[in-house]
Amino acid sequence: MKQVTKLALAAVVSGMAVNAAAYEQGDWILRAGAVTVAPDEDSDSIVLPTAPPTVLPGVSVDNDTQLSIIPVYMVTDNWAIEVLAATPFEHDITVNGVGIPAGSIKHLPPTVSMQWYPRGGQKGWQPYVGAGVNYTIIFDEKVDPALAGALNGLIGATEADLSLDDSFGLAAQVGVDIPLSDNWAINAAVWYIDIDTTAKIRTDVGTVAFDVDIDPWVYNVGIAYRF
């Protein structure tokens, strides 16, 4: 039974590949779906101005999933330009070691890539690889009350503010469109994006700064439509 199911699935996929039109120069492709940013962060330690200094082992950043909107233009049958866009991501930040919620941030990570389609001009599946640049805009940074309370106890701070610098870096990706018809396809893609920032915690008794390499893996699953 399992073998029959596999053969039937293969026949369906083969049929879709035969009936699907090839990607060609001048085509527009719009991809949309669910995109997850999963940070693979590496954070500097946080050195608080106490006597002696209190050292905290950096921070961690959690995952978030949003709606993706990804337009693509086929410059030739094999080469395309893609823009990765999405609704704003929101991440909670936690102080490592002590488990204190540090706060939260929102960001937009627009990424422009040049893509190569090895099967461009041919019917069927359309795998691709790409490389490009990313500019991450970080905004709406908030300090968690738990961190504010800890800073009050450790250094006597009565107010605290969190900020993170925007980031510019490189990106690489792989993906595939699996055709359902001449115009519709299922899309799956993954990016690795270089996002490096400096975080600053400003208080009324001083400012603490530390570098955070967020460097996320980004996963998209959705649909694609060829115009």
N, C-alpha and C. Protein backbone atom coordinates (compact mmCIF):
# COMPACT_ATOMS: atom_id res chain seq x y z
N MET A 1 0.82 -1.20 0.00
CA MET A 1 0.00 0.00 0.00
C MET A 1 0.87 1.26 0.00
N LYS A 2 1.93 1.23 0.85
CA LYS A 2 2.83 2.38 0.91
C LYS A 2 3.50 2.61 -0.43
N GLN A 3 3.86 1.51 -1.10
CA GLN A 3 4.53 1.64 -2.40
C GLN A 3 3.58 2.25 -3.43
N VAL A 4 2.31 1.85 -3.38
CA VAL A 4 1.32 2.41 -4.30
C VAL A 4 1.14 3.91 -4.05
N THR A 5 1.10 4.28 -2.77
CA THR A 5 0.96 5.69 -2.42
C THR A 5 2.13 6.50 -2.94
N LYS A 6 3.35 5.96 -2.78
CA LYS A 6 4.54 6.66 -3.27
C LYS A 6 4.50 6.82 -4.78
N LEU A 7 4.07 5.77 -5.49
CA LEU A 7 3.99 5.83 -6.95
C LEU A 7 2.94 6.85 -7.38
N ALA A 8 1.80 6.89 -6.66
CA ALA A 8 0.75 7.84 -7.00
C ALA A 8 1.22 9.27 -6.79
N LEU A 9 1.93 9.50 -5.68
CA LEU A 9 2.45 10.83 -5.41
C LEU A 9 3.46 11.24 -6.46
N ALA A 10 4.32 10.31 -6.85
CA ALA A 10 5.31 10.59 -7.88
C ALA A 10 4.64 10.93 -9.21
N ALA A 11 3.55 10.23 -9.50
CA ALA A 11 2.83 10.50 -10.76
C ALA A 11 2.20 11.88 -10.74
N VAL A 12 1.63 12.26 -9.58
CA VAL A 12 1.03 13.58 -9.47
C VAL A 12 2.07 14.67 -9.64
N VAL A 13 3.21 14.52 -8.93
CA VAL A 13 4.28 15.51 -9.03
C VAL A 13 4.82 15.59 -10.45
N SER A 14 4.99 14.41 -11.08
CA SER A 14 5.47 14.39 -12.46
C SER A 14 4.50 15.10 -13.39
N GLY A 15 3.20 14.88 -13.16
CA GLY A 15 2.20 15.54 -13.99
C GLY A 15 2.21 17.03 -13.82
N MET A 16 2.39 17.51 -12.57
CA MET A 16 2.45 18.94 -12.32
C MET A 16 3.66 19.54 -13.01
N ALA A 17 4.80 18.80 -12.96
CA ALA A 17 6.02 19.31 -13.56
C ALA A 17 5.87 19.44 -15.07
N VAL A 18 5.18 18.49 -15.70
CA VAL A 18 5.01 18.53 -17.15
C VAL A 18 4.11 19.68 -17.56
N ASN A 19 3.03 19.90 -16.79
CA ASN A 19 2.04 20.91 -17.17
C ASN A 19 2.43 22.33 -16.80
N ALA A 20 3.40 22.49 -15.91
CA ALA A 20 3.75 23.81 -15.43
C ALA A 20 4.64 24.52 -16.45
N ALA A 21 4.35 25.82 -16.66
CA ALA A 21 5.15 26.62 -17.58
C ALA A 21 6.51 26.93 -16.97
N ALA A 22 7.49 27.15 -17.84
CA ALA A 22 8.84 27.46 -17.40
C ALA A 22 8.94 28.91 -16.95
N TYR A 23 9.87 29.19 -16.04
CA TYR A 23 10.18 30.57 -15.70
C TYR A 23 11.02 31.16 -16.82
N GLU A 24 10.65 32.38 -17.25
CA GLU A 24 11.33 32.99 -18.38
C GLU A 24 11.61 34.47 -18.10
N GLN A 25 12.51 35.02 -18.90
CA GLN A 25 12.85 36.42 -18.78
C GLN A 25 11.59 37.30 -18.83
N GLY A 26 11.51 38.27 -17.90
CA GLY A 26 10.37 39.18 -17.85
C GLY A 26 9.25 38.75 -16.94
N ASP A 27 9.28 37.50 -16.44
CA ASP A 27 8.25 37.04 -15.51
C ASP A 27 8.37 37.75 -14.17
N TRP A 28 7.22 38.02 -13.56
CA TRP A 28 7.15 38.44 -12.17
C TRP A 28 6.61 37.28 -11.35
N ILE A 29 7.21 37.03 -10.18
CA ILE A 29 6.74 35.97 -9.28
C ILE A 29 6.50 36.61 -7.92
N LEU A 30 5.33 36.39 -7.35
CA LEU A 30 5.04 36.89 -6.02
C LEU A 30 4.86 35.71 -5.07
N ARG A 31 5.71 35.67 -4.05
CA ARG A 31 5.63 34.62 -3.04
C ARG A 31 5.09 35.22 -1.75
N ALA A 32 4.26 34.45 -1.05
CA ALA A 32 3.71 34.88 0.23
C ALA A 32 3.50 33.66 1.11
N GLY A 33 3.65 33.86 2.41
CA GLY A 33 3.47 32.73 3.31
C GLY A 33 3.83 33.09 4.72
N ALA A 34 4.29 32.11 5.47
CA ALA A 34 4.73 32.30 6.85
C ALA A 34 6.25 32.24 6.88
N VAL A 35 6.86 33.29 7.45
CA VAL A 35 8.32 33.35 7.51
C VAL A 35 8.74 33.44 8.98
N THR A 36 9.68 32.60 9.36
CA THR A 36 10.16 32.53 10.74
C THR A 36 11.60 33.00 10.81
N VAL A 37 11.87 33.93 11.72
CA VAL A 37 13.24 34.36 12.01
C VAL A 37 13.68 33.64 13.28
N ALA A 38 14.72 32.81 13.15
CA ALA A 38 15.23 32.02 14.27
C ALA A 38 16.67 32.44 14.55
N PRO A 39 16.88 33.36 15.50
CA PRO A 39 18.24 33.85 15.76
C PRO A 39 19.19 32.76 16.21
N ASP A 40 20.42 32.83 15.71
CA ASP A 40 21.52 31.99 16.16
C ASP A 40 22.53 32.92 16.83
N GLU A 41 22.07 33.56 17.92
CA GLU A 41 22.77 34.71 18.46
C GLU A 41 24.05 34.35 19.21
N ASP A 42 24.95 35.32 19.24
CA ASP A 42 26.19 35.25 20.03
C ASP A 42 26.36 36.62 20.67
N SER A 43 26.24 36.68 21.99
CA SER A 43 26.21 37.96 22.68
C SER A 43 27.44 38.15 23.55
N ASP A 44 27.95 39.38 23.57
CA ASP A 44 28.98 39.73 24.54
C ASP A 44 28.39 39.70 25.95
N SER A 45 29.28 39.58 26.93
CA SER A 45 28.83 39.69 28.31
C SER A 45 28.38 41.11 28.61
N ILE A 46 27.52 41.24 29.60
CA ILE A 46 27.04 42.55 30.05
C ILE A 46 27.76 42.88 31.36
N VAL A 47 28.54 43.96 31.34
CA VAL A 47 29.32 44.35 32.51
C VAL A 47 28.64 45.54 33.17
N LEU A 48 28.08 45.32 34.36
CA LEU A 48 27.39 46.38 35.09
C LEU A 48 28.37 47.15 35.96
N PRO A 49 28.16 48.47 36.08
CA PRO A 49 29.10 49.32 36.83
C PRO A 49 28.90 49.22 38.34
N THR A 50 29.19 48.03 38.88
CA THR A 50 29.17 47.85 40.33
C THR A 50 30.61 47.73 40.81
N ALA A 51 30.83 47.65 42.09
CA ALA A 51 32.19 47.51 42.64
C ALA A 51 32.22 46.27 43.54
N PRO A 52 32.88 45.17 43.10
CA PRO A 52 33.50 44.99 41.77
C PRO A 52 32.42 44.85 40.69
N PRO A 53 32.82 44.94 39.40
CA PRO A 53 31.83 44.86 38.31
C PRO A 53 31.04 43.56 38.34
N THR A 54 29.74 43.66 38.06
CA THR A 54 28.88 42.49 37.93
C THR A 54 28.81 42.11 36.46
N VAL A 55 29.17 40.85 36.16
CA VAL A 55 29.22 40.40 34.77
C VAL A 55 28.09 39.39 34.52
N LEU A 56 27.23 39.71 33.56
CA LEU A 56 26.14 38.82 33.15
C LEU A 56 26.48 38.21 31.80
N PRO A 57 26.16 36.92 31.59
CA PRO A 57 26.60 36.22 30.37
C PRO A 57 25.77 36.50 29.13
N GLY A 58 25.57 37.76 28.78
CA GLY A 58 24.92 38.09 27.52
C GLY A 58 23.43 37.85 27.51
N VAL A 59 22.86 37.87 26.31
CA VAL A 59 21.42 37.73 26.16
C VAL A 59 21.10 36.70 25.08
N SER A 60 19.86 36.21 25.09
CA SER A 60 19.34 35.35 24.03
C SER A 60 18.10 36.02 23.44
N VAL A 61 17.81 35.69 22.18
CA VAL A 61 16.70 36.30 21.43
C VAL A 61 15.81 35.18 20.92
N ASP A 62 14.50 35.27 21.16
CA ASP A 62 13.62 34.17 20.76
C ASP A 62 13.17 34.31 19.30
N ASN A 63 12.48 33.27 18.81
CA ASN A 63 12.00 33.23 17.43
C ASN A 63 10.71 34.03 17.27
N ASP A 64 10.40 34.36 16.02
CA ASP A 64 9.09 34.96 15.72
C ASP A 64 8.71 34.62 14.28
N THR A 65 7.40 34.48 14.03
CA THR A 65 6.87 34.16 12.71
C THR A 65 5.91 35.25 12.27
N GLN A 66 6.05 35.67 11.00
CA GLN A 66 5.21 36.73 10.46
C GLN A 66 4.80 36.38 9.03
N LEU A 67 4.03 37.27 8.43
CA LEU A 67 3.59 37.12 7.05
C LEU A 67 4.68 37.61 6.11
N SER A 68 5.06 36.78 5.13
CA SER A 68 6.07 37.15 4.14
C SER A 68 5.43 37.67 2.87
N ILE A 69 6.10 38.64 2.24
CA ILE A 69 5.71 39.16 0.93
C ILE A 69 7.00 39.28 0.13
N ILE A 70 7.16 38.44 -0.91
CA ILE A 70 8.46 38.30 -1.56
C ILE A 70 8.30 38.43 -3.08
N PRO A 71 8.46 39.63 -3.64
CA PRO A 71 8.42 39.76 -5.10
C PRO A 71 9.74 39.38 -5.75
N VAL A 72 9.63 38.80 -6.95
CA VAL A 72 10.80 38.36 -7.72
C VAL A 72 10.63 38.80 -9.17
N TYR A 73 11.70 39.28 -9.77
CA TYR A 73 11.67 39.62 -11.20
C TYR A 73 12.75 38.83 -11.92
N MET A 74 12.33 38.10 -12.99
CA MET A 74 13.27 37.30 -13.78
C MET A 74 13.98 38.21 -14.78
N VAL A 75 15.24 38.51 -14.51
CA VAL A 75 16.03 39.37 -15.41
C VAL A 75 16.36 38.62 -16.69
N THR A 76 16.68 37.33 -16.55
CA THR A 76 16.86 36.42 -17.68
C THR A 76 16.12 35.13 -17.34
N ASP A 77 16.24 34.12 -18.18
CA ASP A 77 15.62 32.83 -17.85
C ASP A 77 16.23 32.22 -16.59
N ASN A 78 17.48 32.54 -16.28
CA ASN A 78 18.19 31.90 -15.18
C ASN A 78 18.51 32.82 -14.00
N TRP A 79 18.41 34.13 -14.21
CA TRP A 79 18.80 35.07 -13.16
C TRP A 79 17.62 35.96 -12.77
N ALA A 80 17.50 36.22 -11.46
CA ALA A 80 16.37 37.01 -10.95
C ALA A 80 16.83 37.88 -9.78
N ILE A 81 16.03 38.91 -9.52
CA ILE A 81 16.22 39.75 -8.34
C ILE A 81 15.03 39.56 -7.42
N GLU A 82 15.30 39.32 -6.14
CA GLU A 82 14.25 39.07 -5.16
C GLU A 82 14.37 40.06 -4.00
N VAL A 83 13.22 40.46 -3.47
CA VAL A 83 13.18 41.29 -2.26
C VAL A 83 12.39 40.53 -1.19
N LEU A 84 13.06 40.21 -0.09
CA LEU A 84 12.39 39.58 1.05
C LEU A 84 11.82 40.68 1.94
N ALA A 85 10.50 40.69 2.10
CA ALA A 85 9.82 41.64 2.98
C ALA A 85 8.83 40.88 3.84
N ALA A 86 8.45 41.50 4.95
CA ALA A 86 7.53 40.83 5.88
C ALA A 86 6.90 41.86 6.79
N THR A 87 5.83 41.44 7.47
CA THR A 87 5.29 42.28 8.54
C THR A 87 6.30 42.29 9.69
N PRO A 88 6.27 43.31 10.55
CA PRO A 88 7.33 43.47 11.57
C PRO A 88 7.43 42.27 12.51
N PHE A 89 8.67 41.87 12.75
CA PHE A 89 8.95 40.80 13.70
C PHE A 89 9.09 41.39 15.11
N GLU A 90 8.68 40.62 16.11
CA GLU A 90 8.86 41.03 17.51
C GLU A 90 9.55 39.90 18.27
N HIS A 91 10.61 40.23 18.98
CA HIS A 91 11.40 39.23 19.70
C HIS A 91 11.53 39.61 21.16
N ASP A 92 11.36 38.63 22.03
CA ASP A 92 11.66 38.81 23.45
C ASP A 92 13.14 38.52 23.68
N ILE A 93 13.74 39.30 24.58
CA ILE A 93 15.16 39.16 24.90
C ILE A 93 15.28 38.75 26.36
N THR A 94 16.14 37.75 26.62
CA THR A 94 16.32 37.23 27.97
C THR A 94 17.79 37.31 28.35
N VAL A 95 18.07 37.70 29.61
CA VAL A 95 19.45 37.70 30.10
C VAL A 95 19.86 36.27 30.41
N ASN A 96 20.93 35.81 29.78
CA ASN A 96 21.39 34.44 29.97
C ASN A 96 21.86 34.20 31.41
N GLY A 97 21.80 32.95 31.80
CA GLY A 97 22.32 32.58 33.12
C GLY A 97 21.35 32.82 34.25
N VAL A 98 20.74 34.00 34.29
CA VAL A 98 19.83 34.33 35.39
C VAL A 98 18.37 34.24 34.96
N GLY A 99 18.11 34.14 33.65
CA GLY A 99 16.75 33.97 33.15
C GLY A 99 15.86 35.17 33.32
N ILE A 100 16.45 36.37 33.45
CA ILE A 100 15.65 37.57 33.62
C ILE A 100 15.17 38.08 32.26
N PRO A 101 13.88 38.30 32.06
CA PRO A 101 13.43 38.94 30.82
C PRO A 101 14.04 40.34 30.72
N ALA A 102 14.75 40.61 29.61
CA ALA A 102 15.41 41.90 29.45
C ALA A 102 14.52 42.91 28.76
N GLY A 103 13.69 42.45 27.84
CA GLY A 103 12.83 43.36 27.11
C GLY A 103 12.41 42.77 25.79
N SER A 104 12.03 43.64 24.85
CA SER A 104 11.59 43.18 23.53
C SER A 104 11.95 44.23 22.49
N ILE A 105 12.03 43.77 21.25
CA ILE A 105 12.30 44.66 20.12
C ILE A 105 11.40 44.26 18.96
N LYS A 106 11.23 45.19 18.03
CA LYS A 106 10.62 44.89 16.74
C LYS A 106 11.64 45.22 15.67
N HIS A 107 11.53 44.54 14.53
CA HIS A 107 12.45 44.85 13.44
C HIS A 107 11.86 44.46 12.09
N LEU A 108 12.37 45.12 11.07
CA LEU A 108 12.08 44.78 9.67
C LEU A 108 13.41 44.47 9.00
N PRO A 109 13.52 43.29 8.36
CA PRO A 109 14.80 42.90 7.77
C PRO A 109 14.78 42.82 6.24
N PRO A 110 14.44 43.90 5.51
CA PRO A 110 14.39 43.78 4.04
C PRO A 110 15.72 43.29 3.48
N THR A 111 15.63 42.31 2.56
CA THR A 111 16.81 41.67 2.00
C THR A 111 16.67 41.59 0.50
N VAL A 112 17.66 42.09 -0.22
CA VAL A 112 17.66 42.06 -1.68
C VAL A 112 18.70 41.04 -2.14
N SER A 113 18.29 40.09 -2.98
CA SER A 113 19.18 39.02 -3.42
C SER A 113 19.17 38.87 -4.93
N MET A 114 20.31 38.50 -5.47
CA MET A 114 20.41 38.04 -6.85
C MET A 114 20.35 36.51 -6.82
N GLN A 115 19.42 35.96 -7.62
CA GLN A 115 19.19 34.52 -7.59
C GLN A 115 19.57 33.86 -8.92
N TRP A 116 20.00 32.60 -8.80
CA TRP A 116 20.29 31.78 -9.98
C TRP A 116 19.34 30.59 -10.00
N TYR A 117 18.65 30.41 -11.13
CA TYR A 117 17.71 29.31 -11.34
C TYR A 117 18.33 28.34 -12.35
N PRO A 118 18.89 27.22 -11.91
CA PRO A 118 19.55 26.30 -12.84
C PRO A 118 18.60 25.69 -13.86
N ARG A 119 17.29 25.64 -13.55
CA ARG A 119 16.31 25.06 -14.47
C ARG A 119 15.44 26.14 -15.12
N GLY A 120 15.88 27.39 -15.07
CA GLY A 120 15.15 28.46 -15.73
C GLY A 120 14.99 28.17 -17.22
N GLY A 121 13.80 28.45 -17.75
CA GLY A 121 13.52 28.12 -19.15
C GLY A 121 13.05 26.71 -19.35
N GLN A 122 13.01 25.90 -18.27
CA GLN A 122 12.53 24.52 -18.36
C GLN A 122 11.28 24.35 -17.48
N LYS A 123 10.39 23.47 -17.91
CA LYS A 123 9.18 23.19 -17.13
C LYS A 123 9.53 22.40 -15.88
N GLY A 124 8.65 22.52 -14.87
CA GLY A 124 8.81 21.70 -13.68
C GLY A 124 9.33 22.47 -12.48
N TRP A 125 9.91 21.74 -11.54
CA TRP A 125 10.40 22.33 -10.31
C TRP A 125 11.42 23.41 -10.62
N GLN A 126 11.47 24.45 -9.77
CA GLN A 126 12.40 25.55 -9.96
C GLN A 126 13.22 25.77 -8.69
N PRO A 127 14.31 25.01 -8.52
CA PRO A 127 15.21 25.30 -7.39
C PRO A 127 16.03 26.56 -7.69
N TYR A 128 16.50 27.20 -6.64
CA TYR A 128 17.31 28.40 -6.83
C TYR A 128 18.23 28.62 -5.64
N VAL A 129 19.29 29.35 -5.89
CA VAL A 129 20.19 29.80 -4.84
C VAL A 129 20.36 31.30 -5.01
N GLY A 130 20.70 32.00 -3.94
CA GLY A 130 20.82 33.44 -4.03
C GLY A 130 21.79 34.00 -3.01
N ALA A 131 22.25 35.20 -3.26
CA ALA A 131 23.11 35.93 -2.33
C ALA A 131 22.77 37.40 -2.45
N GLY A 132 22.86 38.12 -1.34
CA GLY A 132 22.50 39.53 -1.41
C GLY A 132 22.87 40.27 -0.15
N VAL A 133 22.16 41.37 0.09
CA VAL A 133 22.44 42.24 1.23
C VAL A 133 21.16 42.46 2.03
N ASN A 134 21.36 42.70 3.31
CA ASN A 134 20.26 42.90 4.24
C ASN A 134 20.46 44.19 5.01
N TYR A 135 19.37 44.92 5.22
CA TYR A 135 19.40 46.06 6.13
C TYR A 135 18.28 45.86 7.14
N THR A 136 18.65 45.67 8.40
CA THR A 136 17.67 45.41 9.44
C THR A 136 17.40 46.69 10.23
N ILE A 137 16.14 47.08 10.26
CA ILE A 137 15.70 48.28 10.98
C ILE A 137 15.10 47.83 12.30
N ILE A 138 15.72 48.23 13.40
CA ILE A 138 15.28 47.82 14.74
C ILE A 138 14.58 49.01 15.41
N PHE A 139 13.40 48.75 15.97
CA PHE A 139 12.63 49.83 16.56
C PHE A 139 11.76 49.32 17.70
N ASP A 140 11.12 50.24 18.39
CA ASP A 140 10.18 49.92 19.47
C ASP A 140 10.82 49.04 20.54
N GLU A 141 12.05 49.38 20.92
CA GLU A 141 12.74 48.63 21.96
C GLU A 141 12.12 48.95 23.32
N LYS A 142 11.91 47.91 24.14
CA LYS A 142 11.29 48.09 25.45
C LYS A 142 12.08 47.32 26.51
N VAL A 143 12.23 47.94 27.68
CA VAL A 143 12.85 47.27 28.82
C VAL A 143 11.78 46.55 29.62
N ASP A 144 12.05 45.29 29.97
CA ASP A 144 11.10 44.52 30.77
C ASP A 144 11.16 45.00 32.23
N PRO A 145 10.03 45.04 32.92
CA PRO A 145 10.04 45.45 34.34
C PRO A 145 10.97 44.60 35.20
N ALA A 146 11.16 43.33 34.84
CA ALA A 146 12.06 42.47 35.62
C ALA A 146 13.50 42.96 35.54
N LEU A 147 13.93 43.40 34.35
CA LEU A 147 15.28 43.94 34.20
C LEU A 147 15.40 45.28 34.92
N ALA A 148 14.36 46.11 34.79
CA ALA A 148 14.39 47.40 35.47
C ALA A 148 14.53 47.21 36.98
N GLY A 149 13.81 46.24 37.54
CA GLY A 149 13.91 45.96 38.97
C GLY A 149 15.28 45.46 39.36
N ALA A 150 15.88 44.59 38.51
CA ALA A 150 17.21 44.06 38.80
C ALA A 150 18.26 45.17 38.76
N LEU A 151 18.15 46.08 37.80
CA LEU A 151 19.09 47.19 37.71
C LEU A 151 18.95 48.13 38.90
N ASN A 152 17.73 48.29 39.38
CA ASN A 152 17.53 49.12 40.56
C ASN A 152 18.21 48.51 41.78
N GLY A 153 18.11 47.19 41.91
CA GLY A 153 18.73 46.52 43.05
C GLY A 153 20.24 46.47 42.96
N LEU A 154 20.78 46.32 41.74
CA LEU A 154 22.22 46.14 41.56
C LEU A 154 22.98 47.46 41.54
N ILE A 155 22.46 48.44 40.81
CA ILE A 155 23.21 49.69 40.64
C ILE A 155 22.43 50.93 41.07
N GLY A 156 21.23 50.72 41.59
CA GLY A 156 20.44 51.85 42.07
C GLY A 156 19.78 52.66 40.98
N ALA A 157 19.64 52.09 39.76
CA ALA A 157 19.01 52.80 38.65
C ALA A 157 17.52 52.92 38.89
N THR A 158 16.97 54.10 38.68
CA THR A 158 15.54 54.30 38.84
C THR A 158 14.81 54.36 37.51
N GLU A 159 15.56 54.42 36.40
CA GLU A 159 14.96 54.38 35.08
C GLU A 159 15.93 53.72 34.11
N ALA A 160 15.40 53.09 33.07
CA ALA A 160 16.24 52.37 32.11
C ALA A 160 15.62 52.46 30.72
N ASP A 161 16.49 52.50 29.73
CA ASP A 161 16.05 52.60 28.34
C ASP A 161 16.92 51.65 27.51
N LEU A 162 16.31 50.94 26.57
CA LEU A 162 17.02 49.98 25.71
C LEU A 162 17.02 50.46 24.28
N SER A 163 18.17 50.38 23.61
CA SER A 163 18.24 50.70 22.18
C SER A 163 19.20 49.74 21.51
N LEU A 164 18.91 49.40 20.24
CA LEU A 164 19.79 48.56 19.43
C LEU A 164 20.02 49.24 18.09
N ASP A 165 21.26 49.22 17.63
CA ASP A 165 21.60 49.84 16.36
C ASP A 165 21.03 49.04 15.20
N ASP A 166 20.68 49.73 14.11
CA ASP A 166 20.32 49.04 12.87
C ASP A 166 21.53 48.28 12.34
N SER A 167 21.30 47.34 11.43
CA SER A 167 22.37 46.48 10.94
C SER A 167 22.38 46.38 9.43
N PHE A 168 23.58 46.32 8.85
CA PHE A 168 23.76 46.07 7.42
C PHE A 168 24.68 44.87 7.28
N GLY A 169 24.26 43.85 6.50
CA GLY A 169 25.07 42.66 6.36
C GLY A 169 24.72 41.86 5.12
N LEU A 170 25.41 40.75 4.95
CA LEU A 170 25.22 39.88 3.80
C LEU A 170 24.18 38.81 4.10
N ALA A 171 23.65 38.21 3.03
CA ALA A 171 22.66 37.15 3.17
C ALA A 171 22.87 36.11 2.07
N ALA A 172 22.54 34.85 2.39
CA ALA A 172 22.59 33.77 1.40
C ALA A 172 21.33 32.93 1.55
N GLN A 173 20.89 32.29 0.45
CA GLN A 173 19.64 31.55 0.51
C GLN A 173 19.63 30.38 -0.47
N VAL A 174 18.74 29.43 -0.18
CA VAL A 174 18.37 28.37 -1.12
C VAL A 174 16.85 28.23 -1.05
N GLY A 175 16.25 27.79 -2.15
CA GLY A 175 14.80 27.63 -2.14
C GLY A 175 14.33 26.83 -3.34
N VAL A 176 13.02 26.60 -3.39
CA VAL A 176 12.44 25.86 -4.50
C VAL A 176 10.97 26.24 -4.64
N ASP A 177 10.51 26.35 -5.87
CA ASP A 177 9.09 26.45 -6.19
C ASP A 177 8.65 25.12 -6.78
N ILE A 178 7.62 24.51 -6.18
CA ILE A 178 7.09 23.23 -6.65
C ILE A 178 5.77 23.53 -7.35
N PRO A 179 5.69 23.37 -8.67
CA PRO A 179 4.52 23.85 -9.42
C PRO A 179 3.25 23.05 -9.13
N LEU A 180 2.15 23.79 -9.09
CA LEU A 180 0.81 23.20 -9.01
C LEU A 180 0.06 23.37 -10.32
N SER A 181 0.42 24.42 -11.09
CA SER A 181 -0.19 24.71 -12.38
C SER A 181 0.76 25.64 -13.12
N ASP A 182 0.29 26.21 -14.24
CA ASP A 182 1.13 27.14 -14.98
C ASP A 182 1.54 28.35 -14.14
N ASN A 183 0.67 28.76 -13.24
CA ASN A 183 0.92 30.00 -12.50
C ASN A 183 1.16 29.82 -11.00
N TRP A 184 0.64 28.77 -10.42
CA TRP A 184 0.71 28.59 -8.98
C TRP A 184 1.77 27.56 -8.60
N ALA A 185 2.42 27.80 -7.44
CA ALA A 185 3.42 26.86 -6.95
C ALA A 185 3.48 26.92 -5.43
N ILE A 186 4.01 25.88 -4.84
CA ILE A 186 4.35 25.88 -3.42
C ILE A 186 5.81 26.31 -3.29
N ASN A 187 6.08 27.20 -2.35
CA ASN A 187 7.44 27.69 -2.16
C ASN A 187 7.98 27.30 -0.78
N ALA A 188 9.25 26.93 -0.75
CA ALA A 188 9.97 26.74 0.50
C ALA A 188 11.37 27.34 0.32
N ALA A 189 11.83 28.07 1.32
CA ALA A 189 13.12 28.73 1.20
C ALA A 189 13.74 28.94 2.57
N VAL A 190 15.06 29.05 2.59
CA VAL A 190 15.79 29.33 3.83
C VAL A 190 16.90 30.33 3.53
N TRP A 191 17.08 31.29 4.41
CA TRP A 191 18.15 32.28 4.32
C TRP A 191 19.02 32.19 5.56
N TYR A 192 20.28 32.58 5.40
CA TYR A 192 21.14 32.87 6.56
C TYR A 192 21.54 34.33 6.42
N ILE A 193 21.24 35.14 7.44
CA ILE A 193 21.44 36.58 7.35
C ILE A 193 22.39 37.05 8.44
N ASP A 194 23.34 37.86 8.06
CA ASP A 194 24.31 38.43 8.99
C ASP A 194 23.72 39.71 9.59
N ILE A 195 23.27 39.62 10.84
CA ILE A 195 22.70 40.78 11.55
C ILE A 195 23.52 40.99 12.83
N ASP A 196 24.31 42.05 12.84
CA ASP A 196 25.14 42.39 14.00
C ASP A 196 24.73 43.76 14.52
N THR A 197 24.56 43.87 15.83
CA THR A 197 24.10 45.13 16.41
C THR A 197 24.80 45.39 17.73
N THR A 198 24.76 46.63 18.16
CA THR A 198 25.22 47.01 19.49
C THR A 198 24.01 47.42 20.31
N ALA A 199 23.84 46.76 21.45
CA ALA A 199 22.74 47.07 22.35
C ALA A 199 23.25 48.01 23.44
N LYS A 200 22.41 48.97 23.80
CA LYS A 200 22.75 49.91 24.87
C LYS A 200 21.61 49.95 25.88
N ILE A 201 21.97 49.81 27.14
CA ILE A 201 21.02 49.99 28.23
C ILE A 201 21.42 51.28 28.95
N ARG A 202 20.62 52.31 28.76
CA ARG A 202 20.91 53.61 29.37
C ARG A 202 20.11 53.75 30.67
N THR A 203 20.79 54.11 31.74
CA THR A 203 20.14 54.35 33.02
C THR A 203 20.57 55.71 33.55
N ASP A 204 19.95 56.14 34.64
CA ASP A 204 20.31 57.42 35.23
C ASP A 204 21.64 57.37 36.00
N VAL A 205 22.27 56.17 36.06
CA VAL A 205 23.58 56.07 36.71
C VAL A 205 24.67 55.62 35.73
N GLY A 206 24.34 55.51 34.44
CA GLY A 206 25.34 55.14 33.45
C GLY A 206 24.75 54.33 32.31
N THR A 207 25.58 54.09 31.30
CA THR A 207 25.17 53.35 30.12
C THR A 207 26.03 52.10 29.96
N VAL A 208 25.37 50.98 29.67
CA VAL A 208 26.06 49.72 29.41
C VAL A 208 25.85 49.37 27.94
N ALA A 209 26.93 49.06 27.21
CA ALA A 209 26.84 48.70 25.80
C ALA A 209 27.48 47.33 25.59
N PHE A 210 26.89 46.53 24.71
CA PHE A 210 27.45 45.22 24.39
C PHE A 210 26.99 44.81 23.00
N ASP A 211 27.84 44.07 22.30
CA ASP A 211 27.54 43.62 20.93
C ASP A 211 26.74 42.33 20.95
N VAL A 212 25.79 42.24 20.01
CA VAL A 212 25.00 41.02 19.84
C VAL A 212 24.99 40.66 18.36
N ASP A 213 25.50 39.48 18.03
CA ASP A 213 25.41 38.94 16.67
C ASP A 213 24.15 38.08 16.62
N ILE A 214 23.10 38.59 15.97
CA ILE A 214 21.82 37.87 15.94
C ILE A 214 21.86 36.74 14.92
N ASP A 215 22.38 37.02 13.72
CA ASP A 215 22.67 36.03 12.67
C ASP A 215 21.60 34.93 12.54
N PRO A 216 20.39 35.29 12.16
CA PRO A 216 19.31 34.30 12.16
C PRO A 216 19.29 33.40 10.92
N TRP A 217 18.74 32.21 11.11
CA TRP A 217 18.22 31.41 10.02
C TRP A 217 16.78 31.85 9.80
N VAL A 218 16.42 32.04 8.55
CA VAL A 218 15.08 32.52 8.21
C VAL A 218 14.41 31.49 7.30
N TYR A 219 13.22 31.03 7.69
CA TYR A 219 12.53 29.97 6.96
C TYR A 219 11.19 30.48 6.43
N ASN A 220 10.93 30.21 5.15
CA ASN A 220 9.64 30.60 4.56
C ASN A 220 8.96 29.41 3.93
N VAL A 221 7.67 29.26 4.21
CA VAL A 221 6.83 28.25 3.55
C VAL A 221 5.56 28.96 3.10
N GLY A 222 5.22 28.82 1.83
CA GLY A 222 4.02 29.51 1.34
C GLY A 222 3.70 29.14 -0.09
N ILE A 223 3.10 30.07 -0.78
CA ILE A 223 2.70 29.85 -2.17
C ILE A 223 3.39 30.89 -3.05
N ALA A 224 3.42 30.61 -4.35
CA ALA A 224 4.01 31.54 -5.32
C ALA A 224 3.06 31.64 -6.51
N TYR A 225 2.97 32.84 -7.07
CA TYR A 225 2.16 33.06 -8.25
C TYR A 225 3.00 33.74 -9.31
N ARG A 226 3.01 33.18 -10.51
CA ARG A 226 3.79 33.73 -11.63
C ARG A 226 2.89 34.56 -12.52
N PHE A 227 3.30 35.82 -12.76
CA PHE A 227 2.53 36.71 -13.64
C PHE A 227 3.05 36.62 -15.07
